[in-house]
């Protein structure tokens, strides 16, 4: 459901979660970890029995989460008020869930820790413990305030001791300066700027379903993801999306704003700027210009 290639989808879910920026910060920093960082994480990991109790707390804290697959099964073949109420829940309904996110962390973020042995993909013990410590931190931040302070402390212990001090990534490839310029402009939005972005998102959502005259938003995002994959920028593109989650929430855009199109504008522009040197002009314009029209030149 989630992958680094489709990081805008993960970003869309996180930006609509209370405290989603905390999870995004862990994922962004984890993408920067190297083999030299793993021993400290592994050594700081709490005992499995303590982790088991804390993970039971995570299960309780997230059991009411509903993803789109579950929502679809609940509303299939129904009409009337119940369906309308469920559809109103789409603003907060997630595309994926914690299990999908953890699978992405284990197998995409830490793909370099796996090796093939006897026809199976395996990790050494130190890598397993280190990756588990990162997953603990992801789960604790994802559960948010629904998780007890004690359980949060257990699951965040290794991350806080070994990795939380790391600065967020700054080098996002050839388009790094443009991406950071955009994020700064979003983060420093004044109330009037936020209103203008909301209006632009609403207008773009109304007109981009068929085409902008150059390239549809979905096709342009697909092309940007493909360009990131071919140029080996998938990881920095994912980091940029996580930074966009943090910036968008910090700027004061709420769940309704992001579900209503603000995230598409910010995420699409960020995705395009990461690979602007490789992407067709039509695709760059389709993703960048709607936001640039409000916030000023972004390149």
C-alpha atoms as a PDB file:
ATOM      1  CA  UNK A   1       0.000   0.000   0.000  1.00  0.00           C
ATOM      2  CA  UNK A   2       2.861   2.385   0.855  1.00  0.00           C
ATOM      3  CA  UNK A   3       6.231   2.492  -0.846  1.00  0.00           C
ATOM      4  CA  UNK A   4       8.990   5.048  -1.260  1.00  0.00           C
ATOM      5  CA  UNK A   5       8.048   5.317  -4.926  1.00  0.00           C
ATOM      6  CA  UNK A   6       4.545   6.410  -3.887  1.00  0.00           C
ATOM      7  CA  UNK A   7       5.687   8.585  -0.986  1.00  0.00           C
ATOM      8  CA  UNK A   8       3.110  11.327  -1.798  1.00  0.00           C
ATOM      9  CA  UNK A   9       0.415   8.810  -0.810  1.00  0.00           C
ATOM     10  CA  UNK A  10       2.091   8.158   2.534  1.00  0.00           C
ATOM     11  CA  UNK A  11       2.470  11.899   2.958  1.00  0.00           C
ATOM     12  CA  UNK A  12      -1.248  12.395   2.270  1.00  0.00           C
ATOM     13  CA  UNK A  13      -2.120  10.018   5.105  1.00  0.00           C
ATOM     14  CA  UNK A  14       0.381  11.467   7.559  1.00  0.00           C
ATOM     15  CA  UNK A  15      -0.491  15.104   6.888  1.00  0.00           C
ATOM     16  CA  UNK A  16      -4.119  14.331   7.821  1.00  0.00           C
ATOM     17  CA  UNK A  17      -3.192  12.634  11.118  1.00  0.00           C
ATOM     18  CA  UNK A  18      -2.794  14.607  14.348  1.00  0.00           C
ATOM     19  CA  UNK A  19       0.915  14.476  15.041  1.00  0.00           C
ATOM     20  CA  UNK A  20       1.636  13.056  11.609  1.00  0.00           C
ATOM     21  CA  UNK A  21       4.631  15.355  11.378  1.00  0.00           C
ATOM     22  CA  UNK A  22       6.257  13.407  14.229  1.00  0.00           C
ATOM     23  CA  UNK A  23       6.011  10.192  12.220  1.00  0.00           C
ATOM     24  CA  UNK A  24       7.250  11.985   9.112  1.00  0.00           C
ATOM     25  CA  UNK A  25      10.281  13.230  11.057  1.00  0.00           C
ATOM     26  CA  UNK A  26      11.209   9.681  12.089  1.00  0.00           C
ATOM     27  CA  UNK A  27      10.831   8.365   8.530  1.00  0.00           C
ATOM     28  CA  UNK A  28      12.835  11.262   7.065  1.00  0.00           C
ATOM     29  CA  UNK A  29      15.686  10.722   9.524  1.00  0.00           C
ATOM     30  CA  UNK A  30      15.577   6.936   9.079  1.00  0.00           C
ATOM     31  CA  UNK A  31      16.119   7.401   5.350  1.00  0.00           C
ATOM     32  CA  UNK A  32      19.463   9.004   6.199  1.00  0.00           C
ATOM     33  CA  UNK A  33      20.721   6.198   8.457  1.00  0.00           C
ATOM     34  CA  UNK A  34      23.698   4.105   7.383  1.00  0.00           C
ATOM     35  CA  UNK A  35      25.266   0.864   8.534  1.00  0.00           C
ATOM     36  CA  UNK A  36      27.376   2.856  11.008  1.00  0.00           C
ATOM     37  CA  UNK A  37      24.206   3.949  12.841  1.00  0.00           C
ATOM     38  CA  UNK A  38      22.747   0.498  13.381  1.00  0.00           C
ATOM     39  CA  UNK A  39      24.894  -0.808  16.281  1.00  0.00           C
ATOM     40  CA  UNK A  40      23.890   2.057  18.583  1.00  0.00           C
ATOM     41  CA  UNK A  41      20.219   1.567  17.782  1.00  0.00           C
ATOM     42  CA  UNK A  42      20.461  -2.170  18.340  1.00  0.00           C
ATOM     43  CA  UNK A  43      22.276  -1.699  21.648  1.00  0.00           C
ATOM     44  CA  UNK A  44      19.707   0.829  22.891  1.00  0.00           C
ATOM     45  CA  UNK A  45      16.683  -1.326  22.033  1.00  0.00           C
ATOM     46  CA  UNK A  46      14.621  -2.301  25.115  1.00  0.00           C
ATOM     47  CA  UNK A  47      13.990  -5.885  26.161  1.00  0.00           C
ATOM     48  CA  UNK A  48      11.503  -7.794  24.029  1.00  0.00           C
ATOM     49  CA  UNK A  49       9.163  -8.378  26.978  1.00  0.00           C
ATOM     50  CA  UNK A  50       8.898  -4.615  27.532  1.00  0.00           C
ATOM     51  CA  UNK A  51       8.358  -4.023  23.842  1.00  0.00           C
ATOM     52  CA  UNK A  52       5.600  -6.654  23.746  1.00  0.00           C
ATOM     53  CA  UNK A  53       3.593  -4.851  26.428  1.00  0.00           C
ATOM     54  CA  UNK A  54       4.087  -1.497  24.695  1.00  0.00           C
ATOM     55  CA  UNK A  55       3.045  -2.927  21.349  1.00  0.00           C
ATOM     56  CA  UNK A  56      -0.141  -4.202  22.951  1.00  0.00           C
ATOM     57  CA  UNK A  57      -0.745  -0.557  23.834  1.00  0.00           C
ATOM     58  CA  UNK A  58      -0.173   0.436  20.208  1.00  0.00           C
ATOM     59  CA  UNK A  59      -2.730  -2.157  19.098  1.00  0.00           C
ATOM     60  CA  UNK A  60      -5.283  -0.687  21.484  1.00  0.00           C
ATOM     61  CA  UNK A  61      -4.458   2.875  20.469  1.00  0.00           C
ATOM     62  CA  UNK A  62      -4.843   2.233  16.736  1.00  0.00           C
ATOM     63  CA  UNK A  63      -7.641  -0.332  16.651  1.00  0.00           C
ATOM     64  CA  UNK A  64     -10.244   2.279  15.704  1.00  0.00           C
ATOM     65  CA  UNK A  65      -8.264   3.414  12.656  1.00  0.00           C
ATOM     66  CA  UNK A  66     -10.122   2.847   9.391  1.00  0.00           C
ATOM     67  CA  UNK A  67      -8.481   2.705   5.982  1.00  0.00           C
ATOM     68  CA  UNK A  68     -10.118   3.109   2.595  1.00  0.00           C
ATOM     69  CA  UNK A  69     -10.313  -0.633   2.043  1.00  0.00           C
ATOM     70  CA  UNK A  70     -12.333  -1.063   5.237  1.00  0.00           C
ATOM     71  CA  UNK A  71     -14.512   1.940   4.473  1.00  0.00           C
ATOM     72  CA  UNK A  72     -15.275   0.557   1.015  1.00  0.00           C
ATOM     73  CA  UNK A  73     -16.353  -2.783   2.467  1.00  0.00           C
ATOM     74  CA  UNK A  74     -18.610  -1.051   5.005  1.00  0.00           C
ATOM     75  CA  UNK A  75     -20.381   1.109   2.442  1.00  0.00           C
ATOM     76  CA  UNK A  76     -20.614  -1.327  -0.457  1.00  0.00           C
ATOM     77  CA  UNK A  77     -24.234  -1.684  -1.535  1.00  0.00           C
ATOM     78  CA  UNK A  78     -25.569   0.805   1.013  1.00  0.00           C
ATOM     79  CA  UNK A  79     -27.335   4.127   0.546  1.00  0.00           C
ATOM     80  CA  UNK A  80     -28.789   6.887   2.656  1.00  0.00           C
ATOM     81  CA  UNK A  81     -27.556   8.616   5.820  1.00  0.00           C
ATOM     82  CA  UNK A  82     -25.166   5.832   6.804  1.00  0.00           C
ATOM     83  CA  UNK A  83     -23.343   6.100   3.511  1.00  0.00           C
ATOM     84  CA  UNK A  84     -23.272   9.883   3.663  1.00  0.00           C
ATOM     85  CA  UNK A  85     -21.815   9.762   7.159  1.00  0.00           C
ATOM     86  CA  UNK A  86     -19.172   7.305   6.015  1.00  0.00           C
ATOM     87  CA  UNK A  87     -18.290   9.457   3.038  1.00  0.00           C
ATOM     88  CA  UNK A  88     -17.839  12.467   5.314  1.00  0.00           C
ATOM     89  CA  UNK A  89     -15.243  10.374   7.059  1.00  0.00           C
ATOM     90  CA  UNK A  90     -13.130  10.339   3.908  1.00  0.00           C
ATOM     91  CA  UNK A  91     -11.345  13.486   5.087  1.00  0.00           C
ATOM     92  CA  UNK A  92      -9.662  11.484   7.837  1.00  0.00           C
ATOM     93  CA  UNK A  93      -9.821   7.965   6.408  1.00  0.00           C
ATOM     94  CA  UNK A  94      -6.363   6.650   5.624  1.00  0.00           C
ATOM     95  CA  UNK A  95      -5.299   5.062   2.343  1.00  0.00           C
ATOM     96  CA  UNK A  96      -3.210   2.593   4.348  1.00  0.00           C
ATOM     97  CA  UNK A  97      -2.531   1.842   7.988  1.00  0.00           C
ATOM     98  CA  UNK A  98       0.227   1.270  10.501  1.00  0.00           C
ATOM     99  CA  UNK A  99       0.932  -2.239   9.209  1.00  0.00           C
ATOM    100  CA  UNK A 100       1.456  -0.852   5.705  1.00  0.00           C
ATOM    101  CA  UNK A 101       3.739   1.860   7.054  1.00  0.00           C
ATOM    102  CA  UNK A 102       5.855  -0.573   9.047  1.00  0.00           C
ATOM    103  CA  UNK A 103       6.216  -2.846   6.017  1.00  0.00           C
ATOM    104  CA  UNK A 104       7.445   0.157   4.027  1.00  0.00           C
ATOM    105  CA  UNK A 105       9.977   1.018   6.736  1.00  0.00           C
ATOM    106  CA  UNK A 106      11.305  -2.534   7.019  1.00  0.00           C
ATOM    107  CA  UNK A 107      11.482  -3.331   3.330  1.00  0.00           C
ATOM    108  CA  UNK A 108      11.829   0.029   1.545  1.00  0.00           C
ATOM    109  CA  UNK A 109      13.551   2.387   3.961  1.00  0.00           C
ATOM    110  CA  UNK A 110      15.888  -0.409   5.113  1.00  0.00           C
ATOM    111  CA  UNK A 111      16.094  -2.376   1.876  1.00  0.00           C
ATOM    112  CA  UNK A 112      19.888  -2.179   2.100  1.00  0.00           C
ATOM    113  CA  UNK A 113      19.948  -4.250   5.319  1.00  0.00           C
ATOM    114  CA  UNK A 114      18.559  -7.362   3.654  1.00  0.00           C
ATOM    115  CA  UNK A 115      20.638 -10.062   1.946  1.00  0.00           C
ATOM    116  CA  UNK A 116      19.676 -13.255   0.175  1.00  0.00           C
ATOM    117  CA  UNK A 117      20.519 -16.512   1.908  1.00  0.00           C
ATOM    118  CA  UNK A 118      19.277 -19.942   0.861  1.00  0.00           C
ATOM    119  CA  UNK A 119      16.807 -18.289  -1.449  1.00  0.00           C
ATOM    120  CA  UNK A 120      15.342 -16.141   1.359  1.00  0.00           C
ATOM    121  CA  UNK A 121      15.773 -12.470   2.244  1.00  0.00           C
ATOM    122  CA  UNK A 122      17.285 -12.225   5.723  1.00  0.00           C
ATOM    123  CA  UNK A 123      18.840  -9.657   8.067  1.00  0.00           C
ATOM    124  CA  UNK A 124      21.604 -10.165  10.604  1.00  0.00           C
ATOM    125  CA  UNK A 125      20.646  -9.908  14.284  1.00  0.00           C
ATOM    126  CA  UNK A 126      22.010  -6.389  14.753  1.00  0.00           C
ATOM    127  CA  UNK A 127      20.103  -5.077  11.741  1.00  0.00           C
ATOM    128  CA  UNK A 128      16.924  -6.781  12.910  1.00  0.00           C
ATOM    129  CA  UNK A 129      17.140  -5.143  16.342  1.00  0.00           C
ATOM    130  CA  UNK A 130      18.037  -1.751  14.907  1.00  0.00           C
ATOM    131  CA  UNK A 131      15.208  -1.759  12.374  1.00  0.00           C
ATOM    132  CA  UNK A 132      12.829  -2.916  15.104  1.00  0.00           C
ATOM    133  CA  UNK A 133      13.887   0.090  17.181  1.00  0.00           C
ATOM    134  CA  UNK A 134      13.036   2.414  14.290  1.00  0.00           C
ATOM    135  CA  UNK A 135       9.682   0.667  13.822  1.00  0.00           C
ATOM    136  CA  UNK A 136       9.044   1.158  17.540  1.00  0.00           C
ATOM    137  CA  UNK A 137       9.557   4.899  17.121  1.00  0.00           C
ATOM    138  CA  UNK A 138       7.346   5.003  14.026  1.00  0.00           C
ATOM    139  CA  UNK A 139       4.556   3.148  15.849  1.00  0.00           C
ATOM    140  CA  UNK A 140       4.783   5.336  18.953  1.00  0.00           C
ATOM    141  CA  UNK A 141       4.585   8.540  16.919  1.00  0.00           C
ATOM    142  CA  UNK A 142       1.804   7.129  14.738  1.00  0.00           C
ATOM    143  CA  UNK A 143      -0.344   6.186  17.753  1.00  0.00           C
ATOM    144  CA  UNK A 144       0.155   9.683  19.115  1.00  0.00           C
ATOM    145  CA  UNK A 145      -1.670  10.828  22.228  1.00  0.00           C
ATOM    146  CA  UNK A 146      -3.808   7.681  22.251  1.00  0.00           C
ATOM    147  CA  UNK A 147      -0.747   5.789  23.495  1.00  0.00           C
ATOM    148  CA  UNK A 148       0.122   5.903  27.190  1.00  0.00           C
ATOM    149  CA  UNK A 149       3.147   7.880  28.300  1.00  0.00           C
ATOM    150  CA  UNK A 150       4.753   4.700  29.660  1.00  0.00           C
ATOM    151  CA  UNK A 151       4.341   2.761  26.415  1.00  0.00           C
ATOM    152  CA  UNK A 152       5.547   5.727  24.386  1.00  0.00           C
ATOM    153  CA  UNK A 153       8.648   5.945  26.559  1.00  0.00           C
ATOM    154  CA  UNK A 154       9.490   2.283  25.993  1.00  0.00           C
ATOM    155  CA  UNK A 155       9.057   2.457  22.231  1.00  0.00           C
ATOM    156  CA  UNK A 156      10.921   5.740  21.785  1.00  0.00           C
ATOM    157  CA  UNK A 157      13.812   4.898  24.102  1.00  0.00           C
ATOM    158  CA  UNK A 158      16.254   3.538  21.531  1.00  0.00           C
ATOM    159  CA  UNK A 159      15.411   6.234  18.978  1.00  0.00           C
ATOM    160  CA  UNK A 160      15.884   9.035  21.489  1.00  0.00           C
ATOM    161  CA  UNK A 161      19.189   7.632  22.721  1.00  0.00           C
ATOM    162  CA  UNK A 162      20.701   6.763  19.350  1.00  0.00           C
ATOM    163  CA  UNK A 163      19.103   8.700  16.524  1.00  0.00           C
ATOM    164  CA  UNK A 164      16.704  11.460  17.563  1.00  0.00           C
ATOM    165  CA  UNK A 165      19.581  13.966  17.702  1.00  0.00           C
ATOM    166  CA  UNK A 166      20.115  13.672  13.959  1.00  0.00           C
ATOM    167  CA  UNK A 167      19.316  16.775  11.958  1.00  0.00           C
ATOM    168  CA  UNK A 168      16.712  16.519   9.253  1.00  0.00           C
ATOM    169  CA  UNK A 169      18.037  15.970   5.721  1.00  0.00           C
ATOM    170  CA  UNK A 170      19.060  19.081   3.813  1.00  0.00           C
ATOM    171  CA  UNK A 171      20.589  17.655   0.639  1.00  0.00           C
ATOM    172  CA  UNK A 172      17.688  16.717  -1.626  1.00  0.00           C
ATOM    173  CA  UNK A 173      19.643  16.438  -4.849  1.00  0.00           C
ATOM    174  CA  UNK A 174      19.916  18.908  -7.743  1.00  0.00           C
ATOM    175  CA  UNK A 175      16.591  20.521  -6.875  1.00  0.00           C
ATOM    176  CA  UNK A 176      17.394  20.898  -3.187  1.00  0.00           C
ATOM    177  CA  UNK A 177      17.522  24.712  -3.151  1.00  0.00           C
ATOM    178  CA  UNK A 178      14.161  25.001  -4.905  1.00  0.00           C
ATOM    179  CA  UNK A 179      12.519  22.460  -2.587  1.00  0.00           C
ATOM    180  CA  UNK A 180      13.756  24.233   0.528  1.00  0.00           C
ATOM    181  CA  UNK A 181      12.677  27.601  -0.909  1.00  0.00           C
ATOM    182  CA  UNK A 182       9.178  26.201  -1.413  1.00  0.00           C
ATOM    183  CA  UNK A 183       9.040  24.660   2.065  1.00  0.00           C
ATOM    184  CA  UNK A 184      10.191  27.928   3.640  1.00  0.00           C
ATOM    185  CA  UNK A 185       7.534  29.855   1.730  1.00  0.00           C
ATOM    186  CA  UNK A 186       4.805  27.456   2.871  1.00  0.00           C
ATOM    187  CA  UNK A 187       6.053  27.390   6.467  1.00  0.00           C
ATOM    188  CA  UNK A 188       5.998  31.206   6.685  1.00  0.00           C
ATOM    189  CA  UNK A 189       2.522  31.632   5.189  1.00  0.00           C
ATOM    190  CA  UNK A 190       0.538  34.502   6.682  1.00  0.00           C
ATOM    191  CA  UNK A 191      -3.223  34.052   7.233  1.00  0.00           C
ATOM    192  CA  UNK A 192      -3.954  35.759   3.909  1.00  0.00           C
ATOM    193  CA  UNK A 193      -1.469  33.431   2.196  1.00  0.00           C
ATOM    194  CA  UNK A 194      -3.176  30.378   3.685  1.00  0.00           C
ATOM    195  CA  UNK A 195      -6.549  31.594   2.452  1.00  0.00           C
ATOM    196  CA  UNK A 196      -5.083  32.109  -1.022  1.00  0.00           C
ATOM    197  CA  UNK A 197      -3.574  28.616  -1.034  1.00  0.00           C
ATOM    198  CA  UNK A 198      -6.917  27.136   0.020  1.00  0.00           C
ATOM    199  CA  UNK A 199      -8.659  29.024  -2.787  1.00  0.00           C
ATOM    200  CA  UNK A 200      -6.046  27.894  -5.316  1.00  0.00           C
ATOM    201  CA  UNK A 201      -6.421  24.288  -4.158  1.00  0.00           C
ATOM    202  CA  UNK A 202     -10.173  24.464  -4.527  1.00  0.00           C
ATOM    203  CA  UNK A 203      -9.903  25.984  -7.988  1.00  0.00           C
ATOM    204  CA  UNK A 204      -7.273  23.480  -9.088  1.00  0.00           C
ATOM    205  CA  UNK A 205      -9.342  20.571  -7.775  1.00  0.00           C
ATOM    206  CA  UNK A 206     -12.326  21.779  -9.780  1.00  0.00           C
ATOM    207  CA  UNK A 207     -10.412  22.189 -13.049  1.00  0.00           C
ATOM    208  CA  UNK A 208      -7.689  19.528 -13.007  1.00  0.00           C
ATOM    209  CA  UNK A 209      -9.855  16.438 -13.203  1.00  0.00           C
ATOM    210  CA  UNK A 210      -9.762  16.425 -16.993  1.00  0.00           C
ATOM    211  CA  UNK A 211      -6.644  18.450 -17.697  1.00  0.00           C
ATOM    212  CA  UNK A 212      -4.937  21.744 -17.026  1.00  0.00           C
ATOM    213  CA  UNK A 213      -4.279  22.136 -20.705  1.00  0.00           C
ATOM    214  CA  UNK A 214      -0.794  20.707 -20.281  1.00  0.00           C
ATOM    215  CA  UNK A 215      -0.874  17.638 -18.061  1.00  0.00           C
ATOM    216  CA  UNK A 216      -3.271  16.185 -15.522  1.00  0.00           C
ATOM    217  CA  UNK A 217      -2.083  16.259 -11.915  1.00  0.00           C
ATOM    218  CA  UNK A 218      -2.147  12.481 -11.497  1.00  0.00           C
ATOM    219  CA  UNK A 219      -0.181  11.871 -14.692  1.00  0.00           C
ATOM    220  CA  UNK A 220       2.348  14.558 -13.803  1.00  0.00           C
ATOM    221  CA  UNK A 221       2.892  13.035 -10.336  1.00  0.00           C
ATOM    222  CA  UNK A 222       3.289   9.605 -11.935  1.00  0.00           C
ATOM    223  CA  UNK A 223       5.880  10.999 -14.322  1.00  0.00           C
ATOM    224  CA  UNK A 224       7.735  12.688 -11.468  1.00  0.00           C
ATOM    225  CA  UNK A 225       7.781   9.420  -9.496  1.00  0.00           C
ATOM    226  CA  UNK A 226       9.074   7.585 -12.541  1.00  0.00           C
ATOM    227  CA  UNK A 227      11.794  10.186 -13.081  1.00  0.00           C
ATOM    228  CA  UNK A 228      12.823   9.883  -9.423  1.00  0.00           C
ATOM    229  CA  UNK A 229      13.017   6.105  -9.765  1.00  0.00           C
ATOM    230  CA  UNK A 230      15.088   6.177 -12.962  1.00  0.00           C
ATOM    231  CA  UNK A 231      17.498   8.754 -11.532  1.00  0.00           C
ATOM    232  CA  UNK A 232      17.897   6.962  -8.184  1.00  0.00           C
ATOM    233  CA  UNK A 233      16.277   9.856  -6.334  1.00  0.00           C
ATOM    234  CA  UNK A 234      13.431   7.852  -4.812  1.00  0.00           C
ATOM    235  CA  UNK A 235      14.840   8.154  -1.306  1.00  0.00           C
ATOM    236  CA  UNK A 236      15.438  11.918  -1.467  1.00  0.00           C
ATOM    237  CA  UNK A 237      11.993  12.365  -3.045  1.00  0.00           C
ATOM    238  CA  UNK A 238      10.506  10.489  -0.078  1.00  0.00           C
ATOM    239  CA  UNK A 239      12.493  12.650   2.334  1.00  0.00           C
ATOM    240  CA  UNK A 240      11.168  15.747   0.592  1.00  0.00           C
ATOM    241  CA  UNK A 241       7.606  14.477   0.992  1.00  0.00           C
ATOM    242  CA  UNK A 242       8.153  13.868   4.709  1.00  0.00           C
ATOM    243  CA  UNK A 243       9.527  17.397   5.092  1.00  0.00           C
ATOM    244  CA  UNK A 244       6.452  18.631   3.222  1.00  0.00           C
ATOM    245  CA  UNK A 245       4.209  16.880   5.766  1.00  0.00           C
ATOM    246  CA  UNK A 246       6.006  18.605   8.626  1.00  0.00           C
ATOM    247  CA  UNK A 247       5.937  21.981   6.879  1.00  0.00           C
ATOM    248  CA  UNK A 248       2.267  21.806   5.877  1.00  0.00           C
ATOM    249  CA  UNK A 249       1.127  20.952   9.396  1.00  0.00           C
ATOM    250  CA  UNK A 250       3.408  23.581  10.931  1.00  0.00           C
ATOM    251  CA  UNK A 251       2.004  26.186   8.542  1.00  0.00           C
ATOM    252  CA  UNK A 252      -1.468  25.721  10.029  1.00  0.00           C
ATOM    253  CA  UNK A 253      -3.195  23.790   7.283  1.00  0.00           C
ATOM    254  CA  UNK A 254      -5.684  21.375   8.851  1.00  0.00           C
ATOM    255  CA  UNK A 255      -7.084  18.013   7.861  1.00  0.00           C
ATOM    256  CA  UNK A 256      -9.924  19.499   5.814  1.00  0.00           C
ATOM    257  CA  UNK A 257      -7.493  21.768   3.975  1.00  0.00           C
ATOM    258  CA  UNK A 258      -5.188  18.898   3.074  1.00  0.00           C
ATOM    259  CA  UNK A 259      -8.018  16.589   2.093  1.00  0.00           C
ATOM    260  CA  UNK A 260      -9.504  19.400   0.011  1.00  0.00           C
ATOM    261  CA  UNK A 261      -6.471  19.864  -2.199  1.00  0.00           C
ATOM    262  CA  UNK A 262      -3.815  21.796  -0.286  1.00  0.00           C
ATOM    263  CA  UNK A 263      -1.691  18.675   0.110  1.00  0.00           C
ATOM    264  CA  UNK A 264      -1.911  17.978  -3.621  1.00  0.00           C
ATOM    265  CA  UNK A 265      -0.566  21.441  -4.378  1.00  0.00           C
ATOM    266  CA  UNK A 266       2.308  21.277  -1.888  1.00  0.00           C
ATOM    267  CA  UNK A 267       3.205  17.627  -2.452  1.00  0.00           C
ATOM    268  CA  UNK A 268       2.985  17.893  -6.232  1.00  0.00           C
ATOM    269  CA  UNK A 269       5.208  20.956  -6.338  1.00  0.00           C
ATOM    270  CA  UNK A 270       7.778  19.334  -4.048  1.00  0.00           C
ATOM    271  CA  UNK A 271       7.777  16.140  -6.117  1.00  0.00           C
ATOM    272  CA  UNK A 272       8.302  18.081  -9.339  1.00  0.00           C
ATOM    273  CA  UNK A 273      11.112  20.236  -7.962  1.00  0.00           C
ATOM    274  CA  UNK A 274      13.093  17.174  -6.850  1.00  0.00           C
ATOM    275  CA  UNK A 275      13.318  16.060 -10.499  1.00  0.00           C
ATOM    276  CA  UNK A 276      12.676  19.330 -12.357  1.00  0.00           C
ATOM    277  CA  UNK A 277      15.901  18.904 -14.336  1.00  0.00           C
ATOM    278  CA  UNK A 278      14.571  15.626 -15.776  1.00  0.00           C
ATOM    279  CA  UNK A 279      10.832  16.236 -16.008  1.00  0.00           C
ATOM    280  CA  UNK A 280       9.013  17.562 -19.062  1.00  0.00           C
ATOM    281  CA  UNK A 281       8.184  21.265 -18.801  1.00  0.00           C
ATOM    282  CA  UNK A 282       4.481  20.495 -19.093  1.00  0.00           C
ATOM    283  CA  UNK A 283       4.620  18.229 -16.050  1.00  0.00           C
ATOM    284  CA  UNK A 284       6.677  20.702 -14.012  1.00  0.00           C
ATOM    285  CA  UNK A 285       4.231  23.484 -14.858  1.00  0.00           C
ATOM    286  CA  UNK A 286       1.215  21.346 -13.969  1.00  0.00           C
ATOM    287  CA  UNK A 287       2.631  20.617 -10.523  1.00  0.00           C
ATOM    288  CA  UNK A 288       4.430  23.851  -9.631  1.00  0.00           C
ATOM    289  CA  UNK A 289       2.537  26.722 -11.189  1.00  0.00           C
ATOM    290  CA  UNK A 290      -0.735  26.445  -9.188  1.00  0.00           C
ATOM    291  CA  UNK A 291       1.204  27.021  -5.962  1.00  0.00           C
ATOM    292  CA  UNK A 292       3.695  29.450  -7.504  1.00  0.00           C
ATOM    293  CA  UNK A 293       0.762  31.560  -8.652  1.00  0.00           C
ATOM    294  CA  UNK A 294      -0.063  32.173  -5.003  1.00  0.00           C
ATOM    295  CA  UNK A 295       3.303  32.095  -3.256  1.00  0.00           C
ATOM    296  CA  UNK A 296       5.472  33.584  -5.977  1.00  0.00           C
ATOM    297  CA  UNK A 297       8.321  32.066  -8.035  1.00  0.00           C
ATOM    298  CA  UNK A 298       9.502  28.740  -6.641  1.00  0.00           C
ATOM    299  CA  UNK A 299      12.327  27.980  -9.061  1.00  0.00           C
END
